[in-house]
N, C-alpha and C. Protein backbone atom coordinates (compact mmCIF):
# COMPACT_ATOMS: atom_id res chain seq x y z
N UNK A 1 -195.12 -8.13 -73.47
CA UNK A 1 -195.28 -7.61 -74.82
C UNK A 1 -196.71 -7.09 -74.99
N UNK A 2 -196.81 -5.98 -75.67
CA UNK A 2 -198.12 -5.36 -75.88
C UNK A 2 -198.65 -5.67 -77.27
N UNK A 3 -199.92 -6.00 -77.30
CA UNK A 3 -200.59 -6.22 -78.58
C UNK A 3 -201.05 -4.88 -79.13
N UNK A 4 -201.18 -4.77 -80.42
CA UNK A 4 -201.66 -3.52 -81.04
C UNK A 4 -203.09 -3.25 -80.58
N UNK A 5 -203.32 -2.09 -80.04
CA UNK A 5 -204.65 -1.70 -79.60
C UNK A 5 -205.22 -0.68 -80.57
N UNK A 6 -206.33 -1.03 -81.23
CA UNK A 6 -206.89 -0.11 -82.23
C UNK A 6 -207.11 1.31 -81.70
N UNK A 7 -207.54 1.44 -80.46
CA UNK A 7 -207.80 2.79 -79.93
C UNK A 7 -206.52 3.62 -79.87
N UNK A 8 -205.42 3.00 -79.42
CA UNK A 8 -204.13 3.72 -79.38
C UNK A 8 -203.67 4.09 -80.79
N UNK A 9 -203.87 3.17 -81.72
CA UNK A 9 -203.44 3.43 -83.10
C UNK A 9 -204.28 4.54 -83.72
N UNK A 10 -205.58 4.50 -83.53
CA UNK A 10 -206.46 5.55 -84.08
C UNK A 10 -206.13 6.91 -83.46
N UNK A 11 -205.69 6.92 -82.20
CA UNK A 11 -205.28 8.19 -81.57
C UNK A 11 -204.10 8.84 -82.29
N UNK A 12 -203.32 8.04 -83.02
CA UNK A 12 -202.19 8.56 -83.80
C UNK A 12 -202.58 8.98 -85.22
N UNK A 13 -203.85 8.85 -85.54
CA UNK A 13 -204.33 9.08 -86.91
C UNK A 13 -205.42 10.14 -86.83
N UNK A 14 -205.17 11.27 -87.39
CA UNK A 14 -206.10 12.39 -87.23
C UNK A 14 -207.37 12.18 -88.07
N UNK A 15 -208.43 11.82 -87.36
CA UNK A 15 -209.76 11.71 -87.98
C UNK A 15 -210.61 12.76 -87.29
N UNK A 16 -211.10 13.71 -88.08
CA UNK A 16 -211.88 14.81 -87.53
C UNK A 16 -213.35 14.69 -87.91
N UNK A 17 -214.18 15.41 -87.18
CA UNK A 17 -215.62 15.49 -87.46
C UNK A 17 -215.84 15.79 -88.94
N UNK A 18 -216.74 15.04 -89.54
CA UNK A 18 -217.11 15.29 -90.93
C UNK A 18 -216.27 14.56 -91.96
N UNK A 19 -215.21 13.89 -91.54
CA UNK A 19 -214.36 13.20 -92.52
C UNK A 19 -215.01 11.92 -93.02
N UNK A 20 -214.58 11.52 -94.21
CA UNK A 20 -215.00 10.26 -94.81
C UNK A 20 -213.80 9.32 -94.75
N UNK A 21 -214.03 8.13 -94.17
CA UNK A 21 -212.97 7.17 -93.90
C UNK A 21 -213.34 5.83 -94.52
N UNK A 22 -212.37 5.16 -95.14
CA UNK A 22 -212.57 3.80 -95.64
C UNK A 22 -211.71 2.86 -94.81
N UNK A 23 -212.31 1.76 -94.36
CA UNK A 23 -211.60 0.74 -93.60
C UNK A 23 -211.49 -0.50 -94.48
N UNK A 24 -210.30 -0.69 -95.07
CA UNK A 24 -210.06 -1.81 -95.98
C UNK A 24 -209.94 -3.10 -95.17
N UNK A 25 -210.72 -4.11 -95.53
CA UNK A 25 -210.69 -5.37 -94.81
C UNK A 25 -211.14 -5.16 -93.38
N UNK A 26 -212.32 -4.60 -93.22
CA UNK A 26 -212.81 -4.13 -91.92
C UNK A 26 -212.85 -5.21 -90.85
N UNK A 27 -213.00 -6.47 -91.25
CA UNK A 27 -212.98 -7.56 -90.28
C UNK A 27 -214.02 -7.37 -89.19
N UNK A 28 -213.58 -7.42 -87.93
CA UNK A 28 -214.49 -7.30 -86.78
C UNK A 28 -215.03 -5.89 -86.60
N UNK A 29 -214.42 -4.92 -87.27
CA UNK A 29 -214.95 -3.55 -87.22
C UNK A 29 -214.39 -2.66 -86.14
N UNK A 30 -213.37 -3.11 -85.42
CA UNK A 30 -212.82 -2.30 -84.33
C UNK A 30 -212.39 -0.92 -84.83
N UNK A 31 -211.67 -0.88 -85.95
CA UNK A 31 -211.23 0.42 -86.49
C UNK A 31 -212.40 1.21 -87.06
N UNK A 32 -213.33 0.54 -87.72
CA UNK A 32 -214.49 1.23 -88.30
C UNK A 32 -215.29 1.95 -87.23
N UNK A 33 -215.53 1.27 -86.11
CA UNK A 33 -216.34 1.86 -85.04
C UNK A 33 -215.62 3.04 -84.39
N UNK A 34 -214.33 2.88 -84.13
CA UNK A 34 -213.55 3.99 -83.56
C UNK A 34 -213.52 5.18 -84.51
N UNK A 35 -213.30 4.90 -85.80
CA UNK A 35 -213.26 5.97 -86.80
C UNK A 35 -214.62 6.65 -86.91
N UNK A 36 -215.69 5.86 -86.86
CA UNK A 36 -217.05 6.42 -86.93
C UNK A 36 -217.34 7.36 -85.79
N UNK A 37 -216.89 6.99 -84.59
CA UNK A 37 -217.10 7.86 -83.43
C UNK A 37 -216.37 9.18 -83.62
N UNK A 38 -215.17 9.14 -84.18
CA UNK A 38 -214.40 10.38 -84.39
C UNK A 38 -214.94 11.22 -85.53
N UNK A 39 -215.43 10.57 -86.59
CA UNK A 39 -215.94 11.32 -87.75
C UNK A 39 -217.29 11.97 -87.43
N UNK A 40 -217.98 11.46 -86.44
CA UNK A 40 -219.22 12.08 -85.98
C UNK A 40 -220.36 11.97 -86.96
N UNK A 41 -221.46 12.61 -86.59
CA UNK A 41 -222.68 12.53 -87.38
C UNK A 41 -222.57 13.04 -88.79
N UNK A 42 -221.67 14.00 -89.02
CA UNK A 42 -221.53 14.53 -90.38
C UNK A 42 -220.48 13.79 -91.19
N UNK A 43 -219.81 12.82 -90.57
CA UNK A 43 -218.82 12.01 -91.27
C UNK A 43 -219.40 10.68 -91.69
N UNK A 44 -218.58 9.90 -92.37
CA UNK A 44 -219.03 8.61 -92.86
C UNK A 44 -217.84 7.66 -92.86
N UNK A 45 -218.09 6.42 -92.44
CA UNK A 45 -217.07 5.37 -92.51
C UNK A 45 -217.60 4.26 -93.41
N UNK A 46 -216.77 3.86 -94.35
CA UNK A 46 -217.10 2.75 -95.25
C UNK A 46 -216.29 1.54 -94.80
N UNK A 47 -216.97 0.57 -94.19
CA UNK A 47 -216.35 -0.67 -93.75
C UNK A 47 -216.41 -1.63 -94.93
N UNK A 48 -215.26 -1.93 -95.51
CA UNK A 48 -215.20 -2.72 -96.74
C UNK A 48 -214.58 -4.08 -96.45
N UNK A 49 -215.26 -5.13 -96.87
CA UNK A 49 -214.73 -6.48 -96.66
C UNK A 49 -215.36 -7.42 -97.69
N UNK A 50 -214.71 -8.57 -97.89
CA UNK A 50 -215.26 -9.59 -98.80
C UNK A 50 -216.16 -10.56 -98.05
N UNK A 51 -216.15 -10.50 -96.72
CA UNK A 51 -216.92 -11.41 -95.89
C UNK A 51 -218.22 -10.72 -95.43
N UNK A 52 -219.33 -11.14 -96.01
CA UNK A 52 -220.63 -10.51 -95.70
C UNK A 52 -221.02 -10.68 -94.23
N UNK A 53 -220.69 -11.83 -93.64
CA UNK A 53 -221.04 -12.06 -92.23
C UNK A 53 -220.32 -11.07 -91.32
N UNK A 54 -219.06 -10.83 -91.61
CA UNK A 54 -218.30 -9.86 -90.80
C UNK A 54 -218.90 -8.46 -90.95
N UNK A 55 -219.32 -8.11 -92.14
CA UNK A 55 -219.90 -6.79 -92.36
C UNK A 55 -221.18 -6.61 -91.56
N UNK A 56 -222.00 -7.64 -91.51
CA UNK A 56 -223.23 -7.56 -90.71
C UNK A 56 -222.90 -7.34 -89.24
N UNK A 57 -221.86 -8.00 -88.77
CA UNK A 57 -221.43 -7.86 -87.38
C UNK A 57 -220.94 -6.42 -87.12
N UNK A 58 -220.19 -5.86 -88.06
CA UNK A 58 -219.69 -4.49 -87.91
C UNK A 58 -220.87 -3.52 -87.75
N UNK A 59 -221.86 -3.66 -88.60
CA UNK A 59 -223.03 -2.78 -88.55
C UNK A 59 -223.76 -2.93 -87.21
N UNK A 60 -223.96 -4.16 -86.77
CA UNK A 60 -224.66 -4.42 -85.50
C UNK A 60 -223.87 -3.90 -84.31
N UNK A 61 -222.55 -4.15 -84.30
CA UNK A 61 -221.72 -3.69 -83.19
C UNK A 61 -221.64 -2.17 -83.15
N UNK A 62 -221.60 -1.54 -84.33
CA UNK A 62 -221.61 -0.08 -84.38
C UNK A 62 -222.89 0.48 -83.79
N UNK A 63 -224.01 -0.13 -84.15
CA UNK A 63 -225.30 0.32 -83.62
C UNK A 63 -225.36 0.18 -82.10
N UNK A 64 -224.83 -0.93 -81.57
CA UNK A 64 -224.80 -1.15 -80.12
C UNK A 64 -224.01 -0.05 -79.42
N UNK A 65 -222.98 0.44 -80.10
CA UNK A 65 -222.13 1.48 -79.51
C UNK A 65 -222.58 2.89 -79.93
N UNK A 66 -223.77 2.96 -80.52
CA UNK A 66 -224.38 4.23 -80.95
C UNK A 66 -223.53 4.98 -81.99
N UNK A 67 -222.90 4.19 -82.87
CA UNK A 67 -222.15 4.75 -84.00
C UNK A 67 -222.95 4.39 -85.24
N UNK A 68 -223.65 5.37 -85.78
CA UNK A 68 -224.61 5.10 -86.86
C UNK A 68 -224.14 5.57 -88.24
N UNK A 69 -222.90 6.01 -88.34
CA UNK A 69 -222.41 6.54 -89.62
C UNK A 69 -221.53 5.55 -90.38
N UNK A 70 -221.69 4.27 -90.10
CA UNK A 70 -220.91 3.24 -90.79
C UNK A 70 -221.75 2.64 -91.91
N UNK A 71 -221.21 2.69 -93.11
CA UNK A 71 -221.82 2.02 -94.26
C UNK A 71 -221.00 0.78 -94.56
N UNK A 72 -221.66 -0.36 -94.65
CA UNK A 72 -220.93 -1.58 -94.98
C UNK A 72 -220.92 -1.74 -96.51
N UNK A 73 -219.75 -2.16 -97.00
CA UNK A 73 -219.56 -2.32 -98.44
C UNK A 73 -218.95 -3.70 -98.68
N UNK A 74 -219.69 -4.53 -99.37
CA UNK A 74 -219.16 -5.82 -99.78
C UNK A 74 -218.36 -5.56 -101.05
N UNK A 75 -217.04 -5.61 -100.91
CA UNK A 75 -216.20 -5.26 -102.05
C UNK A 75 -214.82 -5.88 -101.95
N UNK A 76 -214.06 -5.67 -103.01
CA UNK A 76 -212.72 -6.22 -103.14
C UNK A 76 -211.72 -5.06 -103.17
N UNK A 77 -210.97 -4.91 -102.09
CA UNK A 77 -210.03 -3.78 -101.99
C UNK A 77 -208.79 -3.95 -102.86
N UNK A 78 -208.62 -5.12 -103.47
CA UNK A 78 -207.44 -5.37 -104.30
C UNK A 78 -207.65 -5.04 -105.77
N UNK A 79 -208.86 -4.67 -106.13
CA UNK A 79 -209.19 -4.42 -107.52
C UNK A 79 -209.52 -2.95 -107.71
N UNK A 80 -208.98 -2.34 -108.76
CA UNK A 80 -209.30 -0.95 -109.04
C UNK A 80 -210.81 -0.82 -109.23
N UNK A 81 -211.44 -0.01 -108.41
CA UNK A 81 -212.89 0.14 -108.44
C UNK A 81 -213.62 -0.87 -107.56
N UNK A 82 -212.90 -1.81 -106.98
CA UNK A 82 -213.51 -2.88 -106.20
C UNK A 82 -214.16 -2.45 -104.90
N UNK A 83 -213.81 -1.26 -104.41
CA UNK A 83 -214.46 -0.76 -103.19
C UNK A 83 -215.83 -0.16 -103.49
N UNK A 84 -216.11 0.05 -104.77
CA UNK A 84 -217.37 0.63 -105.23
C UNK A 84 -217.53 2.10 -104.79
N UNK A 85 -216.44 2.72 -104.36
CA UNK A 85 -216.46 4.13 -103.97
C UNK A 85 -215.98 4.99 -105.13
N UNK A 86 -216.47 6.21 -105.18
CA UNK A 86 -216.04 7.14 -106.21
C UNK A 86 -214.60 7.56 -105.97
N UNK A 87 -213.94 8.04 -106.99
CA UNK A 87 -212.56 8.51 -106.87
C UNK A 87 -212.49 9.80 -106.07
N UNK A 88 -211.43 9.93 -105.30
CA UNK A 88 -211.08 11.16 -104.59
C UNK A 88 -212.17 11.69 -103.66
N UNK A 89 -212.83 10.78 -102.91
CA UNK A 89 -213.87 11.23 -101.97
C UNK A 89 -213.52 10.93 -100.51
N UNK A 90 -212.42 10.21 -100.29
CA UNK A 90 -212.08 9.73 -98.96
C UNK A 90 -210.95 10.57 -98.36
N UNK A 91 -211.10 10.92 -97.08
CA UNK A 91 -210.07 11.68 -96.37
C UNK A 91 -209.01 10.78 -95.75
N UNK A 92 -209.43 9.61 -95.27
CA UNK A 92 -208.55 8.69 -94.56
C UNK A 92 -208.87 7.25 -94.96
N UNK A 93 -207.81 6.44 -95.12
CA UNK A 93 -207.97 5.01 -95.38
C UNK A 93 -207.22 4.25 -94.30
N UNK A 94 -207.87 3.24 -93.75
CA UNK A 94 -207.26 2.37 -92.75
C UNK A 94 -206.96 1.03 -93.42
N UNK A 95 -205.69 0.62 -93.37
CA UNK A 95 -205.26 -0.63 -93.98
C UNK A 95 -204.52 -1.40 -92.88
N UNK A 96 -205.28 -2.19 -92.13
CA UNK A 96 -204.71 -2.87 -90.96
C UNK A 96 -204.78 -4.38 -91.11
N UNK A 97 -203.62 -4.99 -91.04
CA UNK A 97 -203.49 -6.45 -91.04
C UNK A 97 -204.14 -7.14 -92.23
N UNK A 98 -204.01 -6.52 -93.40
CA UNK A 98 -204.54 -7.19 -94.59
C UNK A 98 -203.50 -7.33 -95.71
N UNK A 99 -202.39 -6.60 -95.64
CA UNK A 99 -201.38 -6.74 -96.69
C UNK A 99 -200.85 -8.16 -96.78
N UNK A 100 -200.65 -8.81 -95.64
CA UNK A 100 -200.08 -10.16 -95.65
C UNK A 100 -200.98 -11.16 -96.36
N UNK A 101 -202.29 -10.89 -96.40
CA UNK A 101 -203.20 -11.84 -97.04
C UNK A 101 -203.65 -11.40 -98.43
N UNK A 102 -203.26 -10.22 -98.84
CA UNK A 102 -203.66 -9.71 -100.15
C UNK A 102 -202.88 -10.40 -101.26
N UNK A 103 -203.59 -10.90 -102.25
CA UNK A 103 -202.93 -11.51 -103.40
C UNK A 103 -202.34 -10.44 -104.30
N UNK A 104 -203.05 -9.30 -104.44
CA UNK A 104 -202.57 -8.20 -105.27
C UNK A 104 -202.33 -6.97 -104.38
N UNK A 105 -201.16 -6.97 -103.75
CA UNK A 105 -200.83 -5.90 -102.81
C UNK A 105 -200.78 -4.55 -103.51
N UNK A 106 -200.20 -4.52 -104.70
CA UNK A 106 -200.12 -3.25 -105.43
C UNK A 106 -201.51 -2.79 -105.84
N UNK A 107 -202.38 -3.71 -106.21
CA UNK A 107 -203.76 -3.35 -106.55
C UNK A 107 -204.46 -2.71 -105.36
N UNK A 108 -204.22 -3.24 -104.17
CA UNK A 108 -204.80 -2.68 -102.95
C UNK A 108 -204.33 -1.24 -102.74
N UNK A 109 -203.04 -1.01 -102.89
CA UNK A 109 -202.48 0.34 -102.70
C UNK A 109 -203.02 1.29 -103.78
N UNK A 110 -203.14 0.81 -105.00
CA UNK A 110 -203.67 1.65 -106.08
C UNK A 110 -205.14 2.00 -105.83
N UNK A 111 -205.91 1.08 -105.27
CA UNK A 111 -207.31 1.38 -104.96
C UNK A 111 -207.39 2.41 -103.83
N UNK A 112 -206.51 2.30 -102.85
CA UNK A 112 -206.46 3.32 -101.78
C UNK A 112 -206.14 4.68 -102.38
N UNK A 113 -205.16 4.72 -103.27
CA UNK A 113 -204.78 5.99 -103.90
C UNK A 113 -205.93 6.56 -104.73
N UNK A 114 -206.67 5.69 -105.40
CA UNK A 114 -207.76 6.14 -106.26
C UNK A 114 -208.87 6.83 -105.47
N UNK A 115 -209.23 6.28 -104.32
CA UNK A 115 -210.37 6.83 -103.57
C UNK A 115 -209.98 7.99 -102.66
N UNK A 116 -208.68 8.09 -102.33
CA UNK A 116 -208.25 9.17 -101.44
C UNK A 116 -208.20 10.52 -102.16
N UNK A 117 -208.62 11.55 -101.44
CA UNK A 117 -208.45 12.91 -101.92
C UNK A 117 -206.95 13.22 -101.94
N UNK A 118 -206.51 14.18 -102.78
CA UNK A 118 -205.11 14.61 -102.69
C UNK A 118 -204.81 15.06 -101.25
N UNK A 119 -203.68 14.66 -100.74
CA UNK A 119 -203.25 14.91 -99.36
C UNK A 119 -204.00 14.09 -98.33
N UNK A 120 -204.87 13.18 -98.77
CA UNK A 120 -205.52 12.26 -97.84
C UNK A 120 -204.48 11.32 -97.25
N UNK A 121 -204.82 10.73 -96.12
CA UNK A 121 -203.86 9.89 -95.41
C UNK A 121 -204.27 8.43 -95.38
N UNK A 122 -203.25 7.57 -95.44
CA UNK A 122 -203.44 6.13 -95.28
C UNK A 122 -202.72 5.69 -94.01
N UNK A 123 -203.43 4.97 -93.16
CA UNK A 123 -202.86 4.36 -91.97
C UNK A 123 -202.58 2.91 -92.31
N UNK A 124 -201.33 2.50 -92.16
CA UNK A 124 -200.93 1.13 -92.49
C UNK A 124 -200.41 0.46 -91.21
N UNK A 125 -201.03 -0.65 -90.84
CA UNK A 125 -200.61 -1.45 -89.70
C UNK A 125 -200.49 -2.89 -90.20
N UNK A 126 -199.38 -3.52 -89.90
CA UNK A 126 -199.16 -4.87 -90.42
C UNK A 126 -198.33 -5.68 -89.44
N UNK A 127 -198.51 -6.99 -89.46
CA UNK A 127 -197.73 -7.90 -88.63
C UNK A 127 -196.25 -7.75 -88.93
N UNK A 128 -195.41 -7.71 -87.90
CA UNK A 128 -193.96 -7.61 -88.10
C UNK A 128 -193.27 -8.97 -87.96
N UNK A 129 -194.01 -10.00 -87.58
CA UNK A 129 -193.43 -11.33 -87.45
C UNK A 129 -194.51 -12.38 -87.35
N UNK A 130 -194.10 -13.63 -87.31
CA UNK A 130 -195.05 -14.73 -87.19
C UNK A 130 -195.29 -15.11 -85.73
N UNK A 131 -194.28 -14.93 -84.89
CA UNK A 131 -194.40 -15.14 -83.45
C UNK A 131 -194.92 -16.52 -83.09
N UNK A 132 -194.27 -17.54 -83.66
CA UNK A 132 -194.63 -18.91 -83.33
C UNK A 132 -196.04 -19.28 -83.72
N UNK A 133 -196.56 -18.67 -84.77
CA UNK A 133 -197.89 -18.99 -85.26
C UNK A 133 -198.97 -18.04 -84.78
N UNK A 134 -198.62 -17.09 -83.91
CA UNK A 134 -199.59 -16.09 -83.47
C UNK A 134 -200.01 -15.20 -84.65
N UNK A 135 -199.05 -14.84 -85.46
CA UNK A 135 -199.31 -14.02 -86.65
C UNK A 135 -199.38 -14.90 -87.88
N UNK A 136 -199.31 -14.29 -89.04
CA UNK A 136 -199.36 -15.05 -90.30
C UNK A 136 -198.10 -15.91 -90.48
N UNK A 137 -198.17 -16.82 -91.43
CA UNK A 137 -197.01 -17.64 -91.76
C UNK A 137 -195.86 -16.73 -92.18
N UNK A 138 -194.65 -17.15 -91.86
CA UNK A 138 -193.45 -16.37 -92.23
C UNK A 138 -193.47 -16.02 -93.72
N UNK A 139 -193.88 -16.97 -94.54
CA UNK A 139 -193.86 -16.76 -96.00
C UNK A 139 -194.86 -15.70 -96.45
N UNK A 140 -195.85 -15.39 -95.62
CA UNK A 140 -196.87 -14.41 -96.00
C UNK A 140 -196.55 -13.00 -95.49
N UNK A 141 -195.59 -12.88 -94.58
CA UNK A 141 -195.29 -11.58 -93.99
C UNK A 141 -194.85 -10.56 -95.04
N UNK A 142 -195.25 -9.31 -94.81
CA UNK A 142 -194.81 -8.19 -95.63
C UNK A 142 -193.96 -7.31 -94.72
N UNK A 143 -192.70 -7.13 -95.08
CA UNK A 143 -191.82 -6.32 -94.23
C UNK A 143 -192.24 -4.85 -94.29
N UNK A 144 -191.81 -4.11 -93.29
CA UNK A 144 -192.11 -2.68 -93.27
C UNK A 144 -191.51 -2.00 -94.51
N UNK A 145 -190.29 -2.37 -94.87
CA UNK A 145 -189.64 -1.78 -96.05
C UNK A 145 -190.43 -2.08 -97.32
N UNK A 146 -190.90 -3.32 -97.46
CA UNK A 146 -191.66 -3.69 -98.65
C UNK A 146 -193.00 -2.96 -98.69
N UNK A 147 -193.66 -2.83 -97.54
CA UNK A 147 -194.94 -2.12 -97.49
C UNK A 147 -194.74 -0.64 -97.83
N UNK A 148 -193.74 -0.04 -97.24
CA UNK A 148 -193.47 1.37 -97.52
C UNK A 148 -193.13 1.59 -98.99
N UNK A 149 -192.34 0.70 -99.56
CA UNK A 149 -191.97 0.80 -100.98
C UNK A 149 -193.23 0.75 -101.86
N UNK A 150 -194.18 -0.14 -101.52
CA UNK A 150 -195.43 -0.23 -102.27
C UNK A 150 -196.15 1.12 -102.30
N UNK A 151 -196.19 1.78 -101.16
CA UNK A 151 -196.88 3.07 -101.08
C UNK A 151 -196.09 4.17 -101.78
N UNK A 152 -194.79 4.22 -101.56
CA UNK A 152 -193.97 5.26 -102.20
C UNK A 152 -193.99 5.14 -103.72
N UNK A 153 -194.07 3.92 -104.24
CA UNK A 153 -194.09 3.70 -105.69
C UNK A 153 -195.47 3.93 -106.31
N UNK A 154 -196.47 4.20 -105.48
CA UNK A 154 -197.83 4.35 -105.99
C UNK A 154 -198.49 5.65 -105.53
N UNK A 155 -197.70 6.73 -105.48
CA UNK A 155 -198.26 8.06 -105.28
C UNK A 155 -198.42 8.51 -103.84
N UNK A 156 -197.65 7.93 -102.92
CA UNK A 156 -197.71 8.33 -101.51
C UNK A 156 -196.35 8.81 -101.04
N UNK A 157 -196.36 9.58 -99.96
CA UNK A 157 -195.13 9.98 -99.27
C UNK A 157 -195.29 9.60 -97.80
N UNK A 158 -194.21 9.18 -97.18
CA UNK A 158 -194.25 8.83 -95.76
C UNK A 158 -194.45 10.09 -94.93
N UNK A 159 -195.43 10.05 -94.02
CA UNK A 159 -195.63 11.14 -93.07
C UNK A 159 -194.84 10.84 -91.81
N UNK A 160 -195.09 9.65 -91.22
CA UNK A 160 -194.34 9.26 -90.03
C UNK A 160 -194.64 7.79 -89.69
N UNK A 161 -193.75 7.21 -88.92
CA UNK A 161 -193.97 5.90 -88.34
C UNK A 161 -194.82 6.08 -87.09
N UNK A 162 -195.59 5.05 -86.76
CA UNK A 162 -196.35 5.08 -85.51
C UNK A 162 -196.09 3.81 -84.73
N UNK A 163 -196.28 3.87 -83.44
CA UNK A 163 -196.17 2.69 -82.59
C UNK A 163 -197.43 1.86 -82.79
N UNK A 164 -197.24 0.57 -83.06
CA UNK A 164 -198.39 -0.32 -83.29
C UNK A 164 -198.29 -1.57 -82.42
N UNK A 165 -197.63 -1.47 -81.29
CA UNK A 165 -197.48 -2.61 -80.41
C UNK A 165 -196.24 -3.43 -80.76
N UNK A 166 -196.02 -4.49 -79.99
CA UNK A 166 -194.82 -5.29 -80.15
C UNK A 166 -194.86 -6.25 -81.33
N UNK A 167 -196.04 -6.53 -81.86
CA UNK A 167 -196.18 -7.52 -82.92
C UNK A 167 -196.43 -6.92 -84.30
N UNK A 168 -196.52 -5.62 -84.37
CA UNK A 168 -196.87 -4.95 -85.62
C UNK A 168 -195.97 -3.74 -85.86
N UNK A 169 -195.92 -3.31 -87.11
CA UNK A 169 -195.33 -2.02 -87.43
C UNK A 169 -196.46 -1.14 -87.96
N UNK A 170 -196.24 0.15 -87.97
CA UNK A 170 -197.25 1.05 -88.49
C UNK A 170 -196.64 2.31 -89.05
N UNK A 171 -197.32 2.86 -90.05
CA UNK A 171 -196.92 4.16 -90.58
C UNK A 171 -198.12 4.86 -91.19
N UNK A 172 -197.97 6.15 -91.37
CA UNK A 172 -198.97 6.97 -92.03
C UNK A 172 -198.35 7.53 -93.28
N UNK A 173 -199.07 7.40 -94.40
CA UNK A 173 -198.59 7.90 -95.69
C UNK A 173 -199.62 8.88 -96.26
N UNK A 174 -199.12 9.90 -96.93
CA UNK A 174 -199.97 10.94 -97.53
C UNK A 174 -200.07 10.73 -99.04
N UNK A 175 -201.29 10.82 -99.57
CA UNK A 175 -201.54 10.72 -101.02
C UNK A 175 -201.07 12.02 -101.66
N UNK A 176 -200.18 11.91 -102.62
CA UNK A 176 -199.66 13.10 -103.30
C UNK A 176 -200.62 13.62 -104.35
């Protein structure tokens, strides 16, 4: 069984030079750093997390990999305005492995919609099972259908499903 590899997933998500990308729940920063490399010197990545220690690590790891366009944002992605970003300035949003732990899932999707430009894209990757404790508790899982419904009900349209490994599902949605 293959685990989701951020590099393979980002290869399915068109991030071009100069784009502005938000990484919701940036965690270790794997997606932020990959996105930063693709967005290049004229682009910007906003690594957003509630954990200040993780954000410091993202910034340091990005610098080690010579990715200097990452801005760390201590914020709450579940609250409207909680990312501290202006409305309609983001080209791409990465939402990976955070829906299962979000208390306000709809708030998270609404914040993504708020900051995305019209026709901007959201990459959604989420655990598809618990796998004997490898993933989140069964009770915390968000099914692909439930995740897609959240996006479709909040101003998005499905672009396509993506392969996200054996333990995850993934899709790309466009902000209408």
